[in-house]
Protein backbone atom coordinates (compact mmCIF):
# COMPACT_ATOMS: atom_id res chain seq x y z
CA UNK A 1 -51.85 -49.80 -53.63
CA UNK A 2 -52.26 -48.29 -50.19
CA UNK A 3 -55.57 -48.05 -48.36
CA UNK A 4 -55.98 -45.74 -45.39
CA UNK A 5 -58.85 -46.46 -43.02
CA UNK A 6 -60.11 -44.88 -39.81
CA UNK A 7 -60.13 -47.33 -36.90
CA UNK A 8 -61.15 -47.42 -33.26
CA UNK A 9 -58.57 -47.16 -30.48
CA UNK A 10 -58.99 -50.84 -29.61
CA UNK A 11 -58.25 -52.12 -33.14
CA UNK A 12 -55.86 -55.10 -33.12
CA UNK A 13 -53.76 -53.85 -36.06
CA UNK A 14 -53.37 -50.46 -34.38
CA UNK A 15 -52.04 -52.06 -31.20
CA UNK A 16 -49.59 -54.16 -33.21
CA UNK A 17 -48.18 -51.08 -34.98
CA UNK A 18 -48.04 -49.00 -31.79
CA UNK A 19 -46.14 -51.80 -30.05
CA UNK A 20 -43.58 -51.72 -32.90
CA UNK A 21 -43.38 -47.93 -32.61
CA UNK A 22 -42.81 -48.10 -28.86
CA UNK A 23 -40.07 -50.72 -29.31
CA UNK A 24 -38.34 -48.42 -31.81
CA UNK A 25 -38.71 -45.37 -29.56
CA UNK A 26 -37.27 -47.27 -26.56
CA UNK A 27 -34.06 -47.64 -28.58
CA UNK A 28 -33.89 -43.85 -29.03
CA UNK A 29 -35.18 -42.31 -25.80
CA UNK A 30 -35.59 -42.98 -22.08
CA UNK A 31 -39.05 -44.29 -21.15
CA UNK A 32 -40.08 -40.97 -19.57
CA UNK A 33 -39.56 -39.25 -22.94
CA UNK A 34 -41.98 -41.52 -24.82
CA UNK A 35 -45.44 -40.01 -24.95
CA UNK A 36 -48.28 -42.30 -25.92
CA UNK A 37 -52.01 -41.83 -25.69
CA UNK A 38 -54.22 -42.84 -22.80
CA UNK A 39 -57.13 -45.11 -23.79
CA UNK A 40 -59.38 -42.44 -22.27
CA UNK A 41 -57.87 -39.76 -24.51
CA UNK A 42 -60.27 -39.15 -27.40
CA UNK A 43 -58.43 -39.36 -30.70
CA UNK A 44 -59.03 -40.18 -34.35
CA UNK A 45 -56.86 -43.11 -35.49
CA UNK A 46 -55.98 -44.25 -39.01
CA UNK A 47 -54.12 -47.26 -40.37
CA UNK A 48 -52.42 -47.63 -43.75
CA UNK A 49 -52.74 -51.07 -45.35
CA UNK A 50 -50.65 -52.35 -48.25
CA UNK A 51 -52.03 -54.09 -51.36
CA UNK A 52 -52.04 -57.43 -49.52
CA UNK A 53 -54.12 -55.98 -46.67
CA UNK A 54 -51.25 -55.92 -44.17
CA UNK A 55 -51.08 -53.00 -41.73
CA UNK A 56 -47.99 -50.92 -42.54
CA UNK A 57 -48.52 -47.58 -40.79
CA UNK A 58 -50.63 -45.67 -38.31
CA UNK A 59 -51.27 -42.25 -36.91
CA UNK A 60 -53.73 -40.25 -34.86
CA UNK A 61 -54.90 -36.76 -34.15
CA UNK A 62 -56.21 -35.54 -30.81
CA UNK A 63 -57.62 -32.16 -29.83
CA UNK A 64 -55.42 -29.66 -28.03
CA UNK A 65 -57.92 -26.79 -28.10
CA UNK A 66 -60.66 -25.48 -30.41
CA UNK A 67 -58.19 -24.56 -33.19
CA UNK A 68 -55.36 -27.06 -32.70
CA UNK A 69 -54.91 -30.78 -32.85
CA UNK A 70 -51.84 -32.91 -32.19
CA UNK A 71 -50.39 -35.59 -34.44
CA UNK A 72 -49.72 -38.67 -32.33
CA UNK A 73 -48.46 -42.23 -32.74
CA UNK A 74 -47.34 -41.61 -36.32
CA UNK A 75 -45.41 -44.61 -37.64
CA UNK A 76 -44.65 -46.52 -40.84
CA UNK A 77 -42.90 -49.88 -40.72
CA UNK A 78 -39.26 -49.71 -41.77
CA UNK A 79 -39.92 -52.22 -44.56
CA UNK A 80 -42.46 -49.85 -46.11
CA UNK A 81 -40.68 -46.53 -45.81
CA UNK A 82 -39.67 -44.41 -48.82
CA UNK A 83 -42.75 -45.54 -50.74
CA UNK A 84 -44.92 -42.48 -50.11
CA UNK A 85 -47.01 -44.21 -47.45
CA UNK A 86 -46.11 -41.75 -44.68
CA UNK A 87 -46.96 -38.80 -46.94
CA UNK A 88 -50.35 -40.29 -47.81
CA UNK A 89 -51.09 -41.13 -44.19
CA UNK A 90 -50.08 -37.64 -43.04
CA UNK A 91 -52.25 -36.08 -45.74
CA UNK A 92 -55.23 -38.19 -44.65
CA UNK A 93 -54.77 -37.12 -41.03
CA UNK A 94 -54.41 -33.46 -42.04
CA UNK A 95 -57.60 -33.70 -44.11
CA UNK A 96 -59.38 -35.29 -41.16
CA UNK A 97 -58.17 -32.49 -38.89
CA UNK A 98 -59.52 -29.93 -41.36
CA UNK A 99 -62.89 -31.73 -41.49
CA UNK A 100 -62.97 -31.64 -37.69
CA UNK A 101 -62.46 -27.85 -37.94
CA UNK A 102 -58.87 -27.74 -36.70
CA UNK A 103 -56.63 -25.23 -38.43
CA UNK A 104 -53.32 -26.06 -36.76
CA UNK A 105 -51.54 -29.38 -36.28
CA UNK A 106 -48.74 -29.67 -33.74
CA UNK A 107 -46.46 -32.58 -33.02
CA UNK A 108 -43.57 -33.68 -30.87
CA UNK A 109 -40.54 -35.64 -32.00
CA UNK A 110 -36.91 -35.80 -30.90
CA UNK A 111 -33.40 -35.14 -32.13
CA UNK A 112 -32.74 -38.90 -32.23
CA UNK A 113 -35.09 -39.10 -35.23
CA UNK A 114 -33.53 -36.90 -37.93
CA UNK A 115 -35.49 -38.73 -40.63
CA UNK A 116 -38.76 -37.77 -38.92
CA UNK A 117 -37.65 -34.15 -38.56
CA UNK A 118 -36.74 -33.97 -42.25
CA UNK A 119 -40.06 -35.58 -43.21
CA UNK A 120 -42.13 -33.11 -41.21
CA UNK A 121 -40.15 -30.14 -42.51
CA UNK A 122 -40.67 -31.34 -46.11
CA UNK A 123 -44.39 -31.34 -45.40
CA UNK A 124 -44.51 -27.76 -44.16
CA UNK A 125 -44.05 -28.19 -40.42
CA UNK A 126 -42.01 -25.50 -38.68
CA UNK A 127 -40.26 -25.83 -35.35
CA UNK A 128 -41.99 -24.11 -32.41
CA UNK A 129 -41.40 -23.82 -28.68
CA UNK A 130 -42.15 -26.97 -26.72
CA UNK A 131 -45.80 -27.08 -25.64
CA UNK A 132 -48.00 -28.93 -23.17
CA UNK A 133 -46.48 -31.97 -21.53
CA UNK A 134 -43.27 -31.54 -23.57
CA UNK A 135 -42.24 -28.15 -22.11
CA UNK A 136 -39.81 -29.60 -19.57
CA UNK A 137 -38.46 -32.42 -21.76
CA UNK A 138 -35.12 -31.32 -23.22
CA UNK A 139 -35.21 -34.20 -25.72
CA UNK A 140 -38.49 -33.00 -27.25
CA UNK A 141 -38.66 -30.99 -30.45
CA UNK A 142 -42.04 -29.55 -31.38
CA UNK A 143 -43.41 -28.56 -34.77
CA UNK A 144 -46.54 -26.92 -36.13
CA UNK A 145 -48.32 -26.53 -39.45
CA UNK A 146 -51.15 -24.17 -40.26
CA UNK A 147 -53.65 -26.10 -42.36
CA UNK A 148 -54.95 -24.71 -45.63
CA UNK A 149 -57.22 -26.89 -47.73
């Protein structure tokens, strides 16, 4: 059984998962192409816990404008992939975005993560032009989904 809970930005389990995510991303991209979140950046964070209460995944949304939010720091531990956890976590974040009155979710990923690209496409995300801080980064691929609940 998976439990998904909202957490604060300073949550210990969140920092543990983000550190794992950053380690993984450093194997794929140069440091300047890894985009985290500033502690001052307001965001809504969630963590997925397995049946034993261990943190196995995380994600966040942060406002881009009145209509759009961005999916950030989305990660599921390798040991827990292909179990539907990422889908449930993504759904929870999309529902949260809807409740916060956002109608569009955007995200950035990269070509070095074909499994992430396939995952997002399976969940209705379509590739768009690079936006925001990603415009100049040739390694960035951006996607968008219009929410309908």
